[in-house]
Amino acid sequence: MINANGVRLHVERMPARNHTGDEAPPTVVFIHGMIIDSLITYYFTLGPAFAAEGFDVVLYDLRGHGRSERSPDGYLLEDFVADLDALLDRLDPAGPVHLVGYSFGGTVAFSYAAHRPGRVASVSLIESEPATDSWSRKMTDSLERAAKGFAEAEIDEELVKEHGPFVHRRVKSASRLLQSSTIAQDIPASQVLDDADIRSLTCPMLAIYGSESDLAAQEPWLKSLLPDCHTAVVPGQEHWVLLGATPVVRDLIMSWIRDHHAARIAEVERR
């Protein structure tokens, strides 16, 4: 547990294994999605694989999620960005970090890179988008539906029968977060980015979408603002592409980070 920005955050570190070379291994920070998600998603998908391949892995539960502190308020996107900044201050990684964000975690990563570009080596988005006016409206609708849906599912015995107690516990936790905090009001009220803010991003960016997801439609728009942004659409996958096509997502992001870390090292050596 680490105190960062006034909250206690649950952090898991997986030190790099099999790392070669004299330089410090690249640090990859994984940021999970909102409400029903936690660092456990990465713990059973990408985290161990990255550590085994020589990356220093950082997983953490967002405020209000998993084992991190659940405060009654303070859930603006800016709060999540400030949490990440304070966490990196405490962890003190060697050089800029590579951020990997899934869903809302990608929105956090994008905003962090916009506000603290010097601390970010690259950003990989998985089924995510930057915080814009349209994103804010979408969050209002999604959180209203989530509050109602999770409250109903919390007492649904069929949910336990179909998905087991683990999923039921996560639904109960999500329902409590929505009912006992201001997250549903704070997220849509967060500071958003305009097109100029998005165009100002200079770090390498990878965006991965499922072909059957609504977010896949934003690929042309994102590339129009960030011509150097690399995108990948995974066939037959929806929003849960990280779980449905883990090896594909893993290989795409790992290759991306390796290439840009090597390019960064080469640039430093040339100076």
C-alpha atoms as a PDB file:
ATOM      1  CA  MET A   1       0.000   0.000   0.000  1.00  0.00           C
ATOM      2  CA  ILE A   2       1.430   3.376  -1.017  1.00  0.00           C
ATOM      3  CA  ASN A   3       0.208   6.801   0.052  1.00  0.00           C
ATOM      4  CA  ALA A   4      -0.090   8.929  -3.077  1.00  0.00           C
ATOM      5  CA  ASN A   5      -2.000  12.177  -3.576  1.00  0.00           C
ATOM      6  CA  GLY A   6      -3.825  11.748  -0.268  1.00  0.00           C
ATOM      7  CA  VAL A   7      -5.124   8.206  -0.898  1.00  0.00           C
ATOM      8  CA  ARG A   8      -3.773   4.744  -0.180  1.00  0.00           C
ATOM      9  CA  LEU A   9      -3.190   2.843  -3.403  1.00  0.00           C
ATOM     10  CA  HIS A  10      -2.722  -0.906  -3.693  1.00  0.00           C
ATOM     11  CA  VAL A  11       0.334  -1.543  -5.874  1.00  0.00           C
ATOM     12  CA  GLU A  12       1.830  -4.785  -7.197  1.00  0.00           C
ATOM     13  CA  ARG A  13       5.311  -4.813  -8.717  1.00  0.00           C
ATOM     14  CA  MET A  14       6.714  -7.565 -10.892  1.00  0.00           C
ATOM     15  CA  PRO A  15      10.488  -7.086 -11.313  1.00  0.00           C
ATOM     16  CA  ALA A  16      11.982  -7.720 -14.728  1.00  0.00           C
ATOM     17  CA  ARG A  17      13.355 -11.200 -15.321  1.00  0.00           C
ATOM     18  CA  ASN A  18      15.752 -12.306 -18.045  1.00  0.00           C
ATOM     19  CA  HIS A  19      16.747  -8.699 -18.708  1.00  0.00           C
ATOM     20  CA  THR A  20      19.904  -8.232 -20.754  1.00  0.00           C
ATOM     21  CA  GLY A  21      21.997  -5.118 -21.189  1.00  0.00           C
ATOM     22  CA  ASP A  22      23.578  -2.593 -18.856  1.00  0.00           C
ATOM     23  CA  GLU A  23      20.737  -0.086 -18.940  1.00  0.00           C
ATOM     24  CA  ALA A  24      17.776  -0.301 -16.553  1.00  0.00           C
ATOM     25  CA  PRO A  25      14.826  -2.343 -17.838  1.00  0.00           C
ATOM     26  CA  PRO A  26      11.915  -0.351 -19.234  1.00  0.00           C
ATOM     27  CA  THR A  27       9.092   0.279 -16.762  1.00  0.00           C
ATOM     28  CA  VAL A  28       5.555  -0.506 -17.909  1.00  0.00           C
ATOM     29  CA  VAL A  29       2.643   0.822 -15.844  1.00  0.00           C
ATOM     30  CA  PHE A  30      -0.683  -0.910 -16.437  1.00  0.00           C
ATOM     31  CA  ILE A  31      -3.880   1.052 -15.722  1.00  0.00           C
ATOM     32  CA  HIS A  32      -7.151  -0.854 -15.507  1.00  0.00           C
ATOM     33  CA  GLY A  33     -10.721   0.117 -16.382  1.00  0.00           C
ATOM     34  CA  MET A  34     -13.468   1.697 -14.305  1.00  0.00           C
ATOM     35  CA  ILE A  35     -16.057   0.428 -11.802  1.00  0.00           C
ATOM     36  CA  ILE A  36     -15.941  -3.364 -12.186  1.00  0.00           C
ATOM     37  CA  ASP A  37     -12.258  -3.668 -13.059  1.00  0.00           C
ATOM     38  CA  SER A  38      -9.074  -3.831 -10.971  1.00  0.00           C
ATOM     39  CA  LEU A  39      -5.402  -4.684 -11.366  1.00  0.00           C
ATOM     40  CA  ILE A  40      -6.329  -8.362 -11.272  1.00  0.00           C
ATOM     41  CA  THR A  41      -7.255  -8.101 -14.967  1.00  0.00           C
ATOM     42  CA  TYR A  42      -3.605  -7.473 -15.827  1.00  0.00           C
ATOM     43  CA  TYR A  43      -2.332  -9.876 -13.161  1.00  0.00           C
ATOM     44  CA  PHE A  44      -3.838 -12.766 -15.116  1.00  0.00           C
ATOM     45  CA  THR A  45      -3.167 -11.442 -18.629  1.00  0.00           C
ATOM     46  CA  LEU A  46      -0.271  -9.138 -19.504  1.00  0.00           C
ATOM     47  CA  GLY A  47       1.644  -8.481 -16.273  1.00  0.00           C
ATOM     48  CA  PRO A  48       3.529 -11.773 -15.761  1.00  0.00           C
ATOM     49  CA  ALA A  49       4.331 -12.110 -19.470  1.00  0.00           C
ATOM     50  CA  PHE A  50       5.910  -8.651 -19.576  1.00  0.00           C
ATOM     51  CA  ALA A  51       7.941  -9.271 -16.416  1.00  0.00           C
ATOM     52  CA  ALA A  52       9.194 -12.571 -17.855  1.00  0.00           C
ATOM     53  CA  GLU A  53      10.359 -10.749 -20.984  1.00  0.00           C
ATOM     54  CA  GLY A  54      12.505  -8.221 -19.129  1.00  0.00           C
ATOM     55  CA  PHE A  55      10.087  -5.398 -18.317  1.00  0.00           C
ATOM     56  CA  ASP A  56       9.710  -3.853 -14.875  1.00  0.00           C
ATOM     57  CA  VAL A  57       5.937  -4.141 -14.333  1.00  0.00           C
ATOM     58  CA  VAL A  58       3.782  -1.902 -12.151  1.00  0.00           C
ATOM     59  CA  LEU A  59       0.126  -2.753 -11.518  1.00  0.00           C
ATOM     60  CA  TYR A  60      -2.080  -0.660  -9.260  1.00  0.00           C
ATOM     61  CA  ASP A  61      -5.724  -0.360  -8.258  1.00  0.00           C
ATOM     62  CA  LEU A  62      -7.253   2.996  -9.110  1.00  0.00           C
ATOM     63  CA  ARG A  63      -8.700   4.936  -6.181  1.00  0.00           C
ATOM     64  CA  GLY A  64     -12.009   3.392  -5.145  1.00  0.00           C
ATOM     65  CA  HIS A  65     -11.199   0.118  -6.899  1.00  0.00           C
ATOM     66  CA  GLY A  66      -9.799  -3.225  -5.800  1.00  0.00           C
ATOM     67  CA  ARG A  67      -7.864  -2.898  -2.552  1.00  0.00           C
ATOM     68  CA  SER A  68      -7.159   0.825  -2.885  1.00  0.00           C
ATOM     69  CA  GLU A  69      -8.809   3.343  -0.588  1.00  0.00           C
ATOM     70  CA  ARG A  70     -12.436   4.114  -1.398  1.00  0.00           C
ATOM     71  CA  SER A  71     -13.044   7.759  -0.570  1.00  0.00           C
ATOM     72  CA  PRO A  72     -16.555   9.234  -0.789  1.00  0.00           C
ATOM     73  CA  ASP A  73     -15.483  11.861  -3.347  1.00  0.00           C
ATOM     74  CA  GLY A  74     -12.541  12.927  -5.508  1.00  0.00           C
ATOM     75  CA  TYR A  75     -13.183  10.966  -8.714  1.00  0.00           C
ATOM     76  CA  LEU A  76     -12.542  13.545 -11.386  1.00  0.00           C
ATOM     77  CA  LEU A  77     -10.251  12.371 -14.169  1.00  0.00           C
ATOM     78  CA  GLU A  78      -7.776  14.954 -12.871  1.00  0.00           C
ATOM     79  CA  ASP A  79      -7.689  13.096  -9.538  1.00  0.00           C
ATOM     80  CA  PHE A  80      -6.751   9.832 -11.236  1.00  0.00           C
ATOM     81  CA  VAL A  81      -4.057  11.641 -13.230  1.00  0.00           C
ATOM     82  CA  ALA A  82      -2.682  13.247 -10.056  1.00  0.00           C
ATOM     83  CA  ASP A  83      -2.700   9.834  -8.351  1.00  0.00           C
ATOM     84  CA  LEU A  84      -0.536   8.381 -11.121  1.00  0.00           C
ATOM     85  CA  ASP A  85       1.853  11.320 -10.938  1.00  0.00           C
ATOM     86  CA  ALA A  86       2.234  10.954  -7.171  1.00  0.00           C
ATOM     87  CA  LEU A  87       2.638   7.189  -7.494  1.00  0.00           C
ATOM     88  CA  LEU A  88       5.494   7.618  -9.967  1.00  0.00           C
ATOM     89  CA  ASP A  89       7.082  10.102  -7.575  1.00  0.00           C
ATOM     90  CA  ARG A  90       7.048   7.424  -4.892  1.00  0.00           C
ATOM     91  CA  LEU A  91       8.229   4.580  -7.130  1.00  0.00           C
ATOM     92  CA  ASP A  92      10.898   6.710  -8.852  1.00  0.00           C
ATOM     93  CA  PRO A  93      11.332   4.592 -12.006  1.00  0.00           C
ATOM     94  CA  ALA A  94      14.460   4.873 -14.118  1.00  0.00           C
ATOM     95  CA  GLY A  95      13.419   7.264 -16.866  1.00  0.00           C
ATOM     96  CA  PRO A  96      10.070   7.819 -18.607  1.00  0.00           C
ATOM     97  CA  VAL A  97       7.536   4.996 -18.316  1.00  0.00           C
ATOM     98  CA  HIS A  98       5.433   3.144 -20.848  1.00  0.00           C
ATOM     99  CA  LEU A  99       1.721   3.416 -20.013  1.00  0.00           C
ATOM    100  CA  VAL A 100      -0.775   0.712 -20.961  1.00  0.00           C
ATOM    101  CA  GLY A 101      -4.414   1.611 -20.350  1.00  0.00           C
ATOM    102  CA  TYR A 102      -7.530  -0.481 -20.807  1.00  0.00           C
ATOM    103  CA  SER A 103     -10.860   1.320 -21.292  1.00  0.00           C
ATOM    104  CA  PHE A 104     -10.989   4.157 -18.703  1.00  0.00           C
ATOM    105  CA  GLY A 105      -7.377   3.332 -17.837  1.00  0.00           C
ATOM    106  CA  GLY A 106      -6.427   4.417 -21.344  1.00  0.00           C
ATOM    107  CA  THR A 107      -8.253   7.700 -20.836  1.00  0.00           C
ATOM    108  CA  VAL A 108      -6.178   8.253 -17.692  1.00  0.00           C
ATOM    109  CA  ALA A 109      -2.985   7.381 -19.586  1.00  0.00           C
ATOM    110  CA  PHE A 110      -3.859   9.738 -22.454  1.00  0.00           C
ATOM    111  CA  SER A 111      -4.569  12.665 -20.127  1.00  0.00           C
ATOM    112  CA  TYR A 112      -1.419  11.952 -18.136  1.00  0.00           C
ATOM    113  CA  ALA A 113       0.694  11.993 -21.296  1.00  0.00           C
ATOM    114  CA  ALA A 114      -0.910  15.299 -22.301  1.00  0.00           C
ATOM    115  CA  HIS A 115      -0.109  16.910 -18.963  1.00  0.00           C
ATOM    116  CA  ARG A 116       3.241  15.254 -18.124  1.00  0.00           C
ATOM    117  CA  PRO A 117       4.854  14.408 -21.486  1.00  0.00           C
ATOM    118  CA  GLY A 118       8.365  14.264 -20.046  1.00  0.00           C
ATOM    119  CA  ARG A 119       7.461  11.283 -17.850  1.00  0.00           C
ATOM    120  CA  VAL A 120       5.931   9.151 -20.625  1.00  0.00           C
ATOM    121  CA  ALA A 121       7.911   7.076 -23.130  1.00  0.00           C
ATOM    122  CA  SER A 122       4.857   5.657 -24.927  1.00  0.00           C
ATOM    123  CA  VAL A 123       1.136   5.068 -24.509  1.00  0.00           C
ATOM    124  CA  SER A 124      -0.756   1.928 -25.492  1.00  0.00           C
ATOM    125  CA  LEU A 125      -4.545   2.185 -25.463  1.00  0.00           C
ATOM    126  CA  ILE A 126      -6.746  -0.903 -25.360  1.00  0.00           C
ATOM    127  CA  GLU A 127     -10.354  -0.152 -26.264  1.00  0.00           C
ATOM    128  CA  SER A 128     -10.016   3.394 -25.030  1.00  0.00           C
ATOM    129  CA  GLU A 129     -10.347   7.021 -26.057  1.00  0.00           C
ATOM    130  CA  PRO A 130      -9.196  10.452 -24.866  1.00  0.00           C
ATOM    131  CA  ALA A 131     -11.442  12.535 -22.636  1.00  0.00           C
ATOM    132  CA  THR A 132     -13.468  14.780 -24.954  1.00  0.00           C
ATOM    133  CA  ASP A 133     -16.906  16.393 -24.787  1.00  0.00           C
ATOM    134  CA  SER A 134     -18.441  13.365 -26.493  1.00  0.00           C
ATOM    135  CA  TRP A 135     -16.633  11.057 -24.047  1.00  0.00           C
ATOM    136  CA  SER A 136     -18.100  13.052 -21.147  1.00  0.00           C
ATOM    137  CA  ARG A 137     -21.641  12.642 -22.495  1.00  0.00           C
ATOM    138  CA  LYS A 138     -21.037   8.953 -23.036  1.00  0.00           C
ATOM    139  CA  MET A 139     -19.800   8.566 -19.460  1.00  0.00           C
ATOM    140  CA  THR A 140     -22.968  10.195 -18.113  1.00  0.00           C
ATOM    141  CA  ASP A 141     -25.154   7.625 -19.879  1.00  0.00           C
ATOM    142  CA  SER A 142     -22.880   4.679 -19.101  1.00  0.00           C
ATOM    143  CA  LEU A 143     -22.598   5.428 -15.383  1.00  0.00           C
ATOM    144  CA  GLU A 144     -26.342   5.974 -15.007  1.00  0.00           C
ATOM    145  CA  ARG A 145     -26.999   2.608 -16.647  1.00  0.00           C
ATOM    146  CA  ALA A 146     -24.261   0.964 -14.606  1.00  0.00           C
ATOM    147  CA  ALA A 147     -25.670   2.234 -11.320  1.00  0.00           C
ATOM    148  CA  LYS A 148     -29.053   0.746 -12.095  1.00  0.00           C
ATOM    149  CA  GLY A 149     -27.735  -2.452 -13.648  1.00  0.00           C
ATOM    150  CA  PHE A 150     -25.253  -3.305 -10.901  1.00  0.00           C
ATOM    151  CA  ALA A 151     -27.794  -2.595  -8.173  1.00  0.00           C
ATOM    152  CA  GLU A 152     -30.178  -5.079  -9.778  1.00  0.00           C
ATOM    153  CA  ALA A 153     -27.432  -7.644 -10.460  1.00  0.00           C
ATOM    154  CA  GLU A 154     -26.226  -7.474  -6.862  1.00  0.00           C
ATOM    155  CA  ILE A 155     -29.292  -9.412  -5.724  1.00  0.00           C
ATOM    156  CA  ASP A 156     -29.594 -11.613  -8.810  1.00  0.00           C
ATOM    157  CA  GLU A 157     -29.096 -15.218  -7.768  1.00  0.00           C
ATOM    158  CA  GLU A 158     -28.860 -16.251 -11.424  1.00  0.00           C
ATOM    159  CA  LEU A 159     -25.668 -14.193 -11.719  1.00  0.00           C
ATOM    160  CA  VAL A 160     -24.005 -16.383  -9.099  1.00  0.00           C
ATOM    161  CA  LYS A 161     -25.200 -19.544 -10.786  1.00  0.00           C
ATOM    162  CA  GLU A 162     -24.003 -18.462 -14.227  1.00  0.00           C
ATOM    163  CA  HIS A 163     -20.725 -16.676 -13.452  1.00  0.00           C
ATOM    164  CA  GLY A 164     -19.760 -17.811  -9.956  1.00  0.00           C
ATOM    165  CA  PRO A 165     -19.073 -15.985  -6.684  1.00  0.00           C
ATOM    166  CA  PHE A 166     -16.004 -14.099  -7.940  1.00  0.00           C
ATOM    167  CA  VAL A 167     -17.983 -12.161 -10.551  1.00  0.00           C
ATOM    168  CA  HIS A 168     -20.782 -11.619  -8.050  1.00  0.00           C
ATOM    169  CA  ARG A 169     -18.316 -10.108  -5.551  1.00  0.00           C
ATOM    170  CA  ARG A 170     -17.008  -7.725  -8.200  1.00  0.00           C
ATOM    171  CA  VAL A 171     -20.534  -6.665  -9.096  1.00  0.00           C
ATOM    172  CA  LYS A 172     -21.319  -6.020  -5.432  1.00  0.00           C
ATOM    173  CA  SER A 173     -18.143  -3.971  -5.071  1.00  0.00           C
ATOM    174  CA  ALA A 174     -18.980  -1.939  -8.183  1.00  0.00           C
ATOM    175  CA  SER A 175     -22.494  -1.318  -6.920  1.00  0.00           C
ATOM    176  CA  ARG A 176     -21.196  -0.076  -3.561  1.00  0.00           C
ATOM    177  CA  LEU A 177     -18.718   2.267  -5.273  1.00  0.00           C
ATOM    178  CA  LEU A 178     -21.480   3.791  -7.385  1.00  0.00           C
ATOM    179  CA  GLN A 179     -23.851   4.137  -4.440  1.00  0.00           C
ATOM    180  CA  SER A 180     -21.409   5.417  -1.816  1.00  0.00           C
ATOM    181  CA  SER A 181     -19.261   7.849  -3.803  1.00  0.00           C
ATOM    182  CA  THR A 182     -19.516  10.729  -6.228  1.00  0.00           C
ATOM    183  CA  ILE A 183     -17.830   8.828  -9.078  1.00  0.00           C
ATOM    184  CA  ALA A 184     -20.934   8.857 -11.301  1.00  0.00           C
ATOM    185  CA  GLN A 185     -21.124  12.650 -11.012  1.00  0.00           C
ATOM    186  CA  ASP A 186     -17.389  13.356 -11.047  1.00  0.00           C
ATOM    187  CA  ILE A 187     -16.311  11.430 -14.145  1.00  0.00           C
ATOM    188  CA  PRO A 188     -18.594  13.303 -16.597  1.00  0.00           C
ATOM    189  CA  ALA A 189     -17.605  16.624 -14.971  1.00  0.00           C
ATOM    190  CA  SER A 190     -13.892  16.015 -15.573  1.00  0.00           C
ATOM    191  CA  GLN A 191     -11.605  18.275 -17.558  1.00  0.00           C
ATOM    192  CA  VAL A 192     -11.642  17.310 -21.242  1.00  0.00           C
ATOM    193  CA  LEU A 193      -9.191  17.723 -24.104  1.00  0.00           C
ATOM    194  CA  ASP A 194      -9.903  19.541 -27.350  1.00  0.00           C
ATOM    195  CA  ASP A 195      -8.437  18.687 -30.745  1.00  0.00           C
ATOM    196  CA  ALA A 196      -5.473  21.007 -30.174  1.00  0.00           C
ATOM    197  CA  ASP A 197      -4.661  19.273 -26.879  1.00  0.00           C
ATOM    198  CA  ILE A 198      -4.745  15.893 -28.566  1.00  0.00           C
ATOM    199  CA  ARG A 199      -2.597  17.049 -31.490  1.00  0.00           C
ATOM    200  CA  SER A 200       0.006  18.298 -29.013  1.00  0.00           C
ATOM    201  CA  LEU A 201       0.859  14.779 -27.841  1.00  0.00           C
ATOM    202  CA  THR A 202       4.360  13.856 -28.929  1.00  0.00           C
ATOM    203  CA  CYS A 203       4.954  10.425 -27.388  1.00  0.00           C
ATOM    204  CA  PRO A 204       4.525   7.286 -29.513  1.00  0.00           C
ATOM    205  CA  MET A 205       0.993   5.918 -29.287  1.00  0.00           C
ATOM    206  CA  LEU A 206      -0.603   2.558 -30.069  1.00  0.00           C
ATOM    207  CA  ALA A 207      -4.391   2.096 -30.063  1.00  0.00           C
ATOM    208  CA  ILE A 208      -5.960  -1.380 -30.147  1.00  0.00           C
ATOM    209  CA  TYR A 209      -9.655  -1.997 -30.797  1.00  0.00           C
ATOM    210  CA  GLY A 210     -11.978  -4.940 -31.247  1.00  0.00           C
ATOM    211  CA  SER A 211     -13.560  -4.944 -34.699  1.00  0.00           C
ATOM    212  CA  GLU A 212     -17.040  -5.397 -33.196  1.00  0.00           C
ATOM    213  CA  SER A 213     -16.642  -2.603 -30.657  1.00  0.00           C
ATOM    214  CA  ASP A 214     -18.267   0.817 -31.011  1.00  0.00           C
ATOM    215  CA  LEU A 215     -14.895   2.406 -30.260  1.00  0.00           C
ATOM    216  CA  ALA A 216     -13.359   0.979 -33.435  1.00  0.00           C
ATOM    217  CA  ALA A 217     -15.197   3.701 -35.364  1.00  0.00           C
ATOM    218  CA  GLN A 218     -12.977   6.375 -33.821  1.00  0.00           C
ATOM    219  CA  GLU A 219      -9.788   4.964 -35.366  1.00  0.00           C
ATOM    220  CA  PRO A 220      -9.854   7.316 -38.414  1.00  0.00           C
ATOM    221  CA  TRP A 221     -10.552  10.335 -36.189  1.00  0.00           C
ATOM    222  CA  LEU A 222      -7.661   9.539 -33.854  1.00  0.00           C
ATOM    223  CA  LYS A 223      -5.246   9.014 -36.748  1.00  0.00           C
ATOM    224  CA  SER A 224      -6.386  12.301 -38.317  1.00  0.00           C
ATOM    225  CA  LEU A 225      -5.289  14.130 -35.170  1.00  0.00           C
ATOM    226  CA  LEU A 226      -2.215  11.978 -34.493  1.00  0.00           C
ATOM    227  CA  PRO A 227      -0.819  10.826 -37.862  1.00  0.00           C
ATOM    228  CA  ASP A 228       1.977   8.900 -36.128  1.00  0.00           C
ATOM    229  CA  CYS A 229      -0.470   6.971 -33.943  1.00  0.00           C
ATOM    230  CA  HIS A 230      -0.359   3.295 -34.840  1.00  0.00           C
ATOM    231  CA  THR A 231      -3.690   1.459 -34.682  1.00  0.00           C
ATOM    232  CA  ALA A 232      -4.652  -2.213 -34.720  1.00  0.00           C
ATOM    233  CA  VAL A 233      -8.139  -3.686 -35.032  1.00  0.00           C
ATOM    234  CA  VAL A 234      -8.512  -7.268 -33.781  1.00  0.00           C
ATOM    235  CA  PRO A 235     -11.083  -9.199 -35.855  1.00  0.00           C
ATOM    236  CA  GLY A 236     -14.093 -10.741 -34.133  1.00  0.00           C
ATOM    237  CA  GLN A 237     -13.490  -9.000 -30.798  1.00  0.00           C
ATOM    238  CA  GLU A 238     -15.631  -6.555 -28.841  1.00  0.00           C
ATOM    239  CA  HIS A 239     -14.773  -4.254 -25.913  1.00  0.00           C
ATOM    240  CA  TRP A 240     -13.304  -7.161 -23.908  1.00  0.00           C
ATOM    241  CA  VAL A 241     -10.530  -7.742 -26.459  1.00  0.00           C
ATOM    242  CA  LEU A 242      -7.901  -7.880 -23.682  1.00  0.00           C
ATOM    243  CA  LEU A 243      -9.563 -10.997 -22.284  1.00  0.00           C
ATOM    244  CA  GLY A 244     -10.819 -12.409 -25.570  1.00  0.00           C
ATOM    245  CA  ALA A 245      -7.549 -12.108 -27.500  1.00  0.00           C
ATOM    246  CA  THR A 246      -4.875 -11.826 -24.813  1.00  0.00           C
ATOM    247  CA  PRO A 247      -1.969 -13.265 -26.882  1.00  0.00           C
ATOM    248  CA  VAL A 248      -2.682 -10.888 -29.763  1.00  0.00           C
ATOM    249  CA  VAL A 249      -2.889  -7.831 -27.508  1.00  0.00           C
ATOM    250  CA  ARG A 250       0.221  -8.944 -25.595  1.00  0.00           C
ATOM    251  CA  ASP A 251       2.329  -9.355 -28.732  1.00  0.00           C
ATOM    252  CA  LEU A 252       1.165  -6.057 -30.246  1.00  0.00           C
ATOM    253  CA  ILE A 253       2.009  -4.019 -27.149  1.00  0.00           C
ATOM    254  CA  MET A 254       5.214  -5.871 -26.309  1.00  0.00           C
ATOM    255  CA  SER A 255       6.619  -5.384 -29.808  1.00  0.00           C
ATOM    256  CA  TRP A 256       5.553  -1.744 -29.772  1.00  0.00           C
ATOM    257  CA  ILE A 257       7.281  -0.998 -26.483  1.00  0.00           C
ATOM    258  CA  ARG A 258      10.414  -2.957 -27.415  1.00  0.00           C
ATOM    259  CA  ASP A 259      10.794  -1.025 -30.669  1.00  0.00           C
ATOM    260  CA  HIS A 260      10.329   2.373 -29.059  1.00  0.00           C
ATOM    261  CA  HIS A 261      12.490   1.579 -26.052  1.00  0.00           C
ATOM    262  CA  ALA A 262      15.310   0.507 -28.372  1.00  0.00           C
ATOM    263  CA  ALA A 263      14.888   3.680 -30.429  1.00  0.00           C
ATOM    264  CA  ARG A 264      14.999   5.772 -27.269  1.00  0.00           C
ATOM    265  CA  ILE A 265      18.213   4.089 -26.083  1.00  0.00           C
ATOM    266  CA  ALA A 266      19.794   4.612 -29.497  1.00  0.00           C
ATOM    267  CA  GLU A 267      18.847   8.296 -29.427  1.00  0.00           C
ATOM    268  CA  VAL A 268      20.390   8.750 -25.989  1.00  0.00           C
ATOM    269  CA  GLU A 269      23.596   7.038 -27.128  1.00  0.00           C
ATOM    270  CA  ARG A 270      23.854   9.358 -30.146  1.00  0.00           C
ATOM    271  CA  ARG A 271      23.757  12.456 -27.949  1.00  0.00           C
END
